[in-house]
Amino acid sequence: MEEITAGSAAGKKGITVRCGWISWVACGVVAATAVAAPPPPARRPVPAEAIERHPGPDRFTNHILWTEAALGGLKSKDADVRARSAFVLGQIGNPRAQRALRRLLNDRAAPVRRHAGIALLNLDNRRGLDEAKEALQEAPRWVRYYAAEALARSGLEQARGMLRLSRFQQEPYIQRCIGDFLIAPPEKLVAVPAGEDEEQWLPEDLGLLFIEAGNILAQESDAHFHLGDYDAAIRCNEAVAFLDPENVEAWTNAAWLLWSMNRDDEAVMMYNRGIAANPDKPDVYFEFGMFRFARKRYELAVELFKRAAQRGARVQWQRMVGHSLERAGLYGEALEWWAGLLQRFPGDPIAARKLQEAKGKQNK
């Protein structure tokens, strides 16, 4: 179908990369068999794949100048901002953040306490042990990854015991990661001092800092995608969505990967979370509609495509309402949609052709 454009979902042949994000060029399914299997228990030498699946600990360590802004975020009245700031500080690796993070261990919001605990362990401070353990047991999947990483990085035997006890209570992806971490613990975080001649972009406000931090994780997601580690790519996109909920591609990339692995229920939840975070943007409605279209749930797809159209979707996306109505056998409604689309976009050749085809079918 020539009307399906990049960003849609029904017969995927490959991907392109746009600004660190996965961009669809056609629709379809990613082979779940490409996901790496958990490594067997082993002693040294460390399997190369256990290291390859988990990048070095330098996600944000060369952004030490972000420390002051993130420390300011810990004082925010918004619990989400406090949690995001704690997460970023835990990835920068600047020990100056320890005192402020310790105060958050008594925060009323559980996500804030958990991210503060994970951050403290990353900064080699065992005070975060209980909160990291809680995160490993109760937090969303993507947070459990960072909790396991921090517990392993701490080098504490108590932390390793927690990982061993919880490993097989976790879902397969977290099981695999814990196995990797027990074999090859992550390196200690060391913040890189900014040299006099070294330019480090300093965001003007916390919102921009979170967006830039999300861009770094988006690049990590892209690397995992090309290695075939789709669970890790999903985890990175969930972290991006946590830092920057208005980044619609984080939600839709994660959802697409989930349903491409036949995890449809999780994909639906991801799309709905993305819509809740971006109710006035057409993107998530459209991508959700393409999922329904690919699964041949055409009437559900119609409603989602219409919602995208109501929010100013581009003409290529609005065409999918007509296509879905035709697939659902609702030819009269399809004719009305093509006529209305041609009125809104008088120069659209596809709408003109489809309208003539619909009229021809009606006259037969």
Protein backbone atom coordinates (compact mmCIF):
# COMPACT_ATOMS: atom_id res chain seq x y z
CA MET A 1 0.00 0.00 0.00
CA GLU A 2 1.78 3.10 -1.21
CA GLU A 3 -0.06 5.35 1.22
CA ILE A 4 1.63 3.86 4.29
CA THR A 5 4.54 6.10 5.16
CA ALA A 6 7.56 5.90 7.43
CA GLY A 7 6.28 5.71 10.98
CA SER A 8 3.62 3.13 10.13
CA ALA A 9 3.31 -0.54 10.83
CA ALA A 10 2.22 -3.29 8.41
CA GLY A 11 5.01 -5.30 6.72
CA LYS A 12 8.32 -4.07 8.10
CA LYS A 13 11.37 -4.67 5.91
CA GLY A 14 13.93 -2.69 7.87
CA ILE A 15 14.55 0.44 9.91
CA THR A 16 16.19 3.78 9.56
CA VAL A 17 17.67 5.86 12.36
CA ARG A 18 16.58 9.45 12.93
CA CYS A 19 18.31 11.47 15.66
CA GLY A 20 19.05 8.35 17.63
CA TRP A 21 15.49 7.01 17.39
CA ILE A 22 14.11 3.99 15.56
CA SER A 23 11.98 5.15 12.61
CA TRP A 24 9.78 2.68 10.73
CA VAL A 25 10.10 2.51 6.97
CA ALA A 26 7.51 -0.22 6.57
CA CYS A 27 5.50 -2.39 8.95
CA GLY A 28 5.90 -5.83 10.41
CA VAL A 29 7.50 -8.06 12.98
CA VAL A 30 10.99 -8.20 14.46
CA ALA A 31 12.08 -11.76 15.03
CA ALA A 32 11.91 -12.47 18.74
CA THR A 33 14.52 -15.18 18.20
CA ALA A 34 17.11 -12.44 17.69
CA VAL A 35 17.01 -11.62 21.41
CA ALA A 36 20.12 -12.99 23.08
CA ALA A 37 19.52 -15.90 25.47
CA PRO A 38 20.62 -15.73 29.12
CA PRO A 39 24.23 -16.88 29.56
CA PRO A 40 24.78 -20.06 31.62
CA PRO A 41 26.38 -19.71 35.06
CA ALA A 42 30.12 -19.47 34.53
CA ARG A 43 33.37 -18.44 36.11
CA ARG A 44 36.11 -16.36 34.53
CA PRO A 45 36.95 -15.84 31.75
CA VAL A 46 33.97 -13.55 31.38
CA PRO A 47 31.92 -14.26 28.22
CA ALA A 48 32.35 -11.44 25.72
CA GLU A 49 28.59 -11.24 25.13
CA ALA A 50 27.97 -10.51 28.82
CA ILE A 51 30.06 -7.37 28.45
CA GLU A 52 28.74 -6.42 25.01
CA ARG A 53 25.11 -6.42 26.18
CA HIS A 54 25.79 -3.81 28.84
CA PRO A 55 27.66 -0.66 27.79
CA GLY A 56 30.33 0.92 29.95
CA PRO A 57 29.28 3.05 32.92
CA ASP A 58 29.87 6.31 31.08
CA ARG A 59 26.32 7.21 30.04
CA PHE A 60 26.48 10.63 31.71
CA THR A 61 29.88 10.61 33.44
CA ASN A 62 31.28 13.20 31.04
CA HIS A 63 28.50 15.63 32.00
CA ILE A 64 29.73 16.58 35.46
CA LEU A 65 28.59 20.17 34.85
CA TRP A 66 25.01 18.90 35.02
CA THR A 67 25.49 18.22 38.74
CA GLU A 68 24.39 21.62 40.05
CA ALA A 69 21.23 21.74 37.98
CA ALA A 70 20.29 18.19 38.98
CA LEU A 71 20.97 18.95 42.65
CA GLY A 72 18.56 21.84 42.33
CA GLY A 73 15.98 19.42 40.94
CA LEU A 74 16.15 17.37 44.14
CA LYS A 75 14.52 20.34 45.92
CA SER A 76 11.56 20.50 43.54
CA LYS A 77 8.01 20.20 44.89
CA ASP A 78 7.28 17.88 41.97
CA ALA A 79 8.08 14.27 42.91
CA ASP A 80 8.66 13.37 39.26
CA VAL A 81 11.32 16.06 38.96
CA ARG A 82 13.00 14.84 42.15
CA ALA A 83 13.02 11.26 40.85
CA ARG A 84 14.42 12.27 37.45
CA SER A 85 17.10 14.40 39.08
CA ALA A 86 18.13 11.52 41.36
CA PHE A 87 18.34 9.19 38.36
CA VAL A 88 20.58 11.61 36.44
CA LEU A 89 22.84 12.20 39.44
CA GLY A 90 23.21 8.46 39.86
CA GLN A 91 24.47 8.21 36.29
CA ILE A 92 26.85 11.20 36.41
CA GLY A 93 28.88 9.68 39.22
CA ASN A 94 29.77 12.89 41.05
CA PRO A 95 30.26 12.06 44.78
CA ARG A 96 29.20 15.62 45.67
CA ALA A 97 25.61 14.50 45.25
CA GLN A 98 25.66 11.96 48.08
CA ARG A 99 24.56 14.23 50.92
CA ALA A 100 21.54 15.57 49.02
CA LEU A 101 20.58 12.09 47.84
CA ARG A 102 20.68 10.71 51.39
CA ARG A 103 17.99 13.19 52.39
CA LEU A 104 15.70 11.74 49.73
CA LEU A 105 15.76 8.30 51.35
CA ASN A 106 12.93 9.58 53.57
CA ASP A 107 10.92 11.10 50.71
CA ARG A 108 7.19 10.39 50.76
CA ALA A 109 7.23 9.26 47.12
CA ALA A 110 8.46 5.69 46.64
CA PRO A 111 9.94 6.35 43.16
CA VAL A 112 12.03 9.19 44.59
CA ARG A 113 13.35 7.00 47.42
CA ARG A 114 14.18 4.19 45.03
CA HIS A 115 16.03 6.36 42.53
CA ALA A 116 17.92 8.02 45.38
CA GLY A 117 18.95 4.61 46.72
CA ILE A 118 20.08 3.40 43.31
CA ALA A 119 22.03 6.63 42.80
CA LEU A 120 23.76 6.29 46.18
CA LEU A 121 24.89 2.74 45.39
CA ASN A 122 26.24 3.99 42.06
CA LEU A 123 28.20 6.57 44.05
CA ASP A 124 29.67 3.81 46.25
CA ASN A 125 27.49 4.67 49.25
CA ARG A 126 25.85 1.65 50.88
CA ARG A 127 23.15 3.82 52.48
CA GLY A 128 21.04 3.20 49.38
CA LEU A 129 21.02 -0.59 49.78
CA ASP A 130 17.50 -1.04 51.20
CA GLU A 131 15.89 1.29 48.68
CA ALA A 132 17.68 -0.40 45.77
CA LYS A 133 16.48 -3.77 47.06
CA GLU A 134 12.92 -2.41 47.21
CA ALA A 135 13.27 -1.16 43.64
CA LEU A 136 14.48 -4.58 42.49
CA GLN A 137 11.40 -6.19 44.02
CA GLU A 138 8.63 -3.69 43.32
CA ALA A 139 9.60 -1.07 40.72
CA PRO A 140 8.75 -1.16 36.99
CA ARG A 141 10.92 -3.41 34.85
CA TRP A 142 13.21 -0.68 33.50
CA VAL A 143 13.94 0.58 37.03
CA ARG A 144 14.71 -2.96 38.18
CA TYR A 145 17.46 -3.09 35.60
CA TYR A 146 19.17 -0.02 37.06
CA ALA A 147 18.65 -1.35 40.58
CA ALA A 148 20.34 -4.64 39.65
CA GLU A 149 23.16 -2.75 37.93
CA ALA A 150 23.76 -0.56 41.01
CA LEU A 151 23.62 -3.50 43.42
CA ALA A 152 26.20 -5.38 41.37
CA ARG A 153 28.35 -2.27 40.97
CA SER A 154 28.47 -1.76 44.75
CA GLY A 155 30.60 -4.88 45.20
CA LEU A 156 28.87 -5.58 48.51
CA GLU A 157 28.42 -9.27 49.28
CA GLN A 158 25.02 -8.47 50.77
CA ALA A 159 24.01 -6.86 47.48
CA ARG A 160 25.22 -9.88 45.50
CA GLY A 161 23.19 -12.09 47.81
CA MET A 162 20.09 -9.99 47.07
CA LEU A 163 20.71 -10.42 43.37
CA ARG A 164 21.14 -14.18 43.63
CA LEU A 165 17.98 -14.58 45.72
CA SER A 166 15.80 -12.42 43.48
CA ARG A 167 17.18 -13.50 40.11
CA PHE A 168 14.74 -16.30 39.32
CA GLN A 169 11.78 -14.38 40.67
CA GLN A 170 12.30 -11.87 37.86
CA GLU A 171 11.13 -11.95 34.26
CA PRO A 172 13.60 -13.38 31.70
CA TYR A 173 15.23 -10.08 30.71
CA ILE A 174 16.04 -9.07 34.29
CA GLN A 175 17.15 -12.65 35.02
CA ARG A 176 19.60 -12.43 32.16
CA CYS A 177 20.92 -9.04 33.25
CA ILE A 178 21.44 -10.21 36.84
CA GLY A 179 23.29 -13.24 35.52
CA ASP A 180 25.51 -10.98 33.46
CA PHE A 181 26.14 -8.65 36.40
CA LEU A 182 27.06 -11.51 38.71
CA ILE A 183 29.59 -12.72 36.15
CA ALA A 184 30.93 -9.29 35.17
CA PRO A 185 30.01 -6.56 37.70
CA PRO A 186 29.68 -3.10 36.15
CA GLU A 187 32.66 -0.79 36.55
CA LYS A 188 32.61 1.91 39.19
CA LEU A 189 31.29 5.27 38.05
CA VAL A 190 33.90 8.01 37.79
CA ALA A 191 32.70 11.47 36.84
CA VAL A 192 35.00 13.12 34.30
CA PRO A 193 36.12 16.63 35.37
CA ALA A 194 35.52 19.29 32.75
CA GLY A 195 38.83 20.63 31.48
CA GLU A 196 39.45 24.33 30.88
CA ASP A 197 39.35 23.85 27.12
CA GLU A 198 36.57 21.29 27.19
CA GLU A 199 33.14 22.52 26.20
CA GLN A 200 30.24 20.80 27.91
CA TRP A 201 26.79 21.89 26.88
CA LEU A 202 24.95 23.10 29.98
CA PRO A 203 21.16 23.11 29.59
CA GLU A 204 19.39 26.32 30.46
CA ASP A 205 16.84 24.53 32.64
CA LEU A 206 16.04 21.10 34.05
CA GLY A 207 13.58 20.30 31.28
CA LEU A 208 16.30 20.63 28.66
CA LEU A 209 18.69 18.63 30.83
CA PHE A 210 16.20 15.76 31.01
CA ILE A 211 15.67 15.93 27.24
CA GLU A 212 19.42 15.75 26.61
CA ALA A 213 19.79 12.88 29.09
CA GLY A 214 17.01 11.11 27.22
CA ASN A 215 18.86 11.63 23.94
CA ILE A 216 21.88 9.84 25.39
CA LEU A 217 19.71 6.88 26.38
CA ALA A 218 18.05 6.93 22.95
CA GLN A 219 21.47 6.44 21.38
CA GLU A 220 22.04 3.51 23.74
CA SER A 221 18.68 2.09 22.68
CA ASP A 222 19.73 2.30 19.04
CA ALA A 223 22.94 0.40 19.80
CA HIS A 224 21.00 -2.38 21.54
CA PHE A 225 18.55 -2.55 18.64
CA HIS A 226 21.34 -3.18 16.15
CA LEU A 227 22.77 -5.86 18.43
CA GLY A 228 19.38 -7.57 18.41
CA ASP A 229 18.80 -6.98 22.13
CA TYR A 230 15.25 -5.67 21.88
CA ASP A 231 14.50 -5.99 25.59
CA ALA A 232 17.40 -3.64 26.33
CA ALA A 233 16.16 -1.23 23.66
CA ILE A 234 12.71 -1.25 25.28
CA ARG A 235 14.28 -0.57 28.68
CA CYS A 236 16.19 2.42 27.31
CA ASN A 237 13.07 3.84 25.69
CA GLU A 238 11.14 3.48 28.94
CA ALA A 239 13.89 5.42 30.69
CA VAL A 240 13.66 8.11 27.99
CA ALA A 241 9.89 8.33 28.52
CA PHE A 242 10.49 8.69 32.27
CA LEU A 243 12.90 11.58 31.72
CA ASP A 244 10.91 13.23 28.92
CA PRO A 245 7.28 12.04 28.83
CA GLU A 246 6.50 14.34 25.90
CA ASN A 247 8.94 12.41 23.70
CA VAL A 248 6.31 10.45 21.77
CA GLU A 249 8.88 8.33 19.95
CA ALA A 250 10.06 6.84 23.23
CA TRP A 251 6.55 5.50 23.86
CA THR A 252 5.89 4.36 20.29
CA ASN A 253 9.32 2.77 19.82
CA ALA A 254 8.92 0.75 23.01
CA ALA A 255 5.37 -0.27 22.08
CA TRP A 256 6.37 -1.27 18.54
CA LEU A 257 9.20 -3.44 19.84
CA LEU A 258 6.84 -5.09 22.31
CA TRP A 259 4.20 -6.05 19.77
CA SER A 260 6.86 -7.05 17.26
CA MET A 261 7.83 -9.64 19.89
CA ASN A 262 4.15 -10.68 20.21
CA ARG A 263 3.82 -9.01 23.61
CA ASP A 264 0.60 -7.28 22.59
CA ASP A 265 -0.85 -6.68 26.06
CA GLU A 266 2.31 -4.85 27.13
CA ALA A 267 2.28 -2.88 23.88
CA VAL A 268 -1.31 -1.72 24.48
CA MET A 269 -0.37 -0.58 27.98
CA MET A 270 2.60 1.33 26.56
CA TYR A 271 0.47 3.05 23.92
CA ASN A 272 -2.11 4.03 26.54
CA ARG A 273 0.59 5.45 28.81
CA GLY A 274 1.96 7.41 25.87
CA ILE A 275 -1.48 8.81 25.08
CA ALA A 276 -2.00 9.77 28.74
CA ALA A 277 1.29 11.69 28.64
CA ASN A 278 0.54 13.28 25.25
CA PRO A 279 -3.25 13.52 24.88
CA ASP A 280 -3.16 16.39 22.38
CA LYS A 281 -0.57 15.01 19.96
CA PRO A 282 -1.57 12.79 17.03
CA ASP A 283 1.52 10.58 17.02
CA VAL A 284 0.71 7.93 19.61
CA TYR A 285 -2.90 7.60 18.41
CA PHE A 286 -1.62 7.01 14.88
CA GLU A 287 1.02 4.44 15.85
CA PHE A 288 -1.52 2.67 18.08
CA GLY A 289 -3.86 2.62 15.11
CA MET A 290 -1.16 1.05 12.91
CA PHE A 291 -0.76 -1.70 15.51
CA ARG A 292 -4.52 -2.37 15.38
CA PHE A 293 -4.42 -2.25 11.57
CA ALA A 294 -1.55 -4.75 11.43
CA ARG A 295 -3.49 -7.05 13.74
CA LYS A 296 -6.56 -6.68 11.45
CA ARG A 297 -8.62 -4.97 14.15
CA TYR A 298 -9.83 -2.46 11.60
CA GLU A 299 -12.72 -0.87 13.48
CA LEU A 300 -10.47 -0.20 16.49
CA ALA A 301 -7.90 1.23 14.08
CA VAL A 302 -10.52 3.59 12.60
CA GLU A 303 -11.24 5.17 15.97
CA LEU A 304 -7.55 5.71 16.71
CA PHE A 305 -6.83 7.16 13.27
CA LYS A 306 -9.81 9.50 13.64
CA ARG A 307 -8.46 10.72 16.97
CA ALA A 308 -5.11 11.37 15.31
CA ALA A 309 -6.90 13.31 12.54
CA GLN A 310 -8.77 15.39 15.12
CA ARG A 311 -5.38 16.39 16.52
CA GLY A 312 -3.97 17.65 13.25
CA ALA A 313 -2.39 14.51 11.81
CA ARG A 314 -0.72 14.90 8.42
CA VAL A 315 -2.70 13.89 5.36
CA GLN A 316 -0.75 10.65 4.90
CA TRP A 317 -1.86 9.55 8.36
CA GLN A 318 -5.47 10.61 7.81
CA ARG A 319 -5.67 8.39 4.74
CA MET A 320 -5.46 5.41 7.08
CA VAL A 321 -9.03 6.13 8.25
CA GLY A 322 -10.27 5.46 4.73
CA HIS A 323 -8.09 2.39 4.26
CA SER A 324 -9.29 0.94 7.57
CA LEU A 325 -12.95 1.59 6.78
CA GLU A 326 -12.53 -0.24 3.47
CA ARG A 327 -10.79 -3.17 5.17
CA ALA A 328 -13.67 -3.30 7.68
CA GLY A 329 -16.17 -3.46 4.79
CA LEU A 330 -17.66 -0.07 5.66
CA TYR A 331 -17.60 1.25 2.09
CA GLY A 332 -20.24 3.96 2.55
CA GLU A 333 -18.35 5.48 5.47
CA ALA A 334 -15.12 5.15 3.51
CA LEU A 335 -16.62 7.15 0.61
CA GLU A 336 -17.67 9.90 3.02
CA TRP A 337 -14.19 9.96 4.57
CA TRP A 338 -12.40 10.25 1.22
CA ALA A 339 -14.76 13.07 0.19
CA GLY A 340 -14.13 14.95 3.40
CA LEU A 341 -10.37 14.38 3.18
CA LEU A 342 -10.32 15.81 -0.34
CA GLN A 343 -12.14 18.89 0.90
CA ARG A 344 -9.57 19.39 3.66
CA PHE A 345 -6.63 18.63 1.35
CA PRO A 346 -7.79 19.61 -2.19
CA GLY A 347 -4.50 18.76 -3.83
CA ASP A 348 -4.14 15.24 -2.43
CA PRO A 349 -4.00 12.82 -5.39
CA ILE A 350 -4.52 9.71 -3.25
CA ALA A 351 -7.74 11.04 -1.73
CA ALA A 352 -8.98 12.00 -5.23
CA ARG A 353 -8.22 8.55 -6.66
CA LYS A 354 -9.72 6.69 -3.69
CA LEU A 355 -12.87 8.83 -3.87
CA GLN A 356 -13.36 7.94 -7.53
CA GLU A 357 -12.78 4.25 -6.78
CA ALA A 358 -15.33 4.40 -3.93
CA LYS A 359 -17.90 6.10 -6.15
CA GLY A 360 -17.34 3.46 -8.84
CA LYS A 361 -17.97 0.65 -6.35
CA GLN A 362 -21.13 2.35 -5.12
CA ASN A 363 -22.52 2.72 -8.67
CA LYS A 364 -22.07 -0.97 -9.48
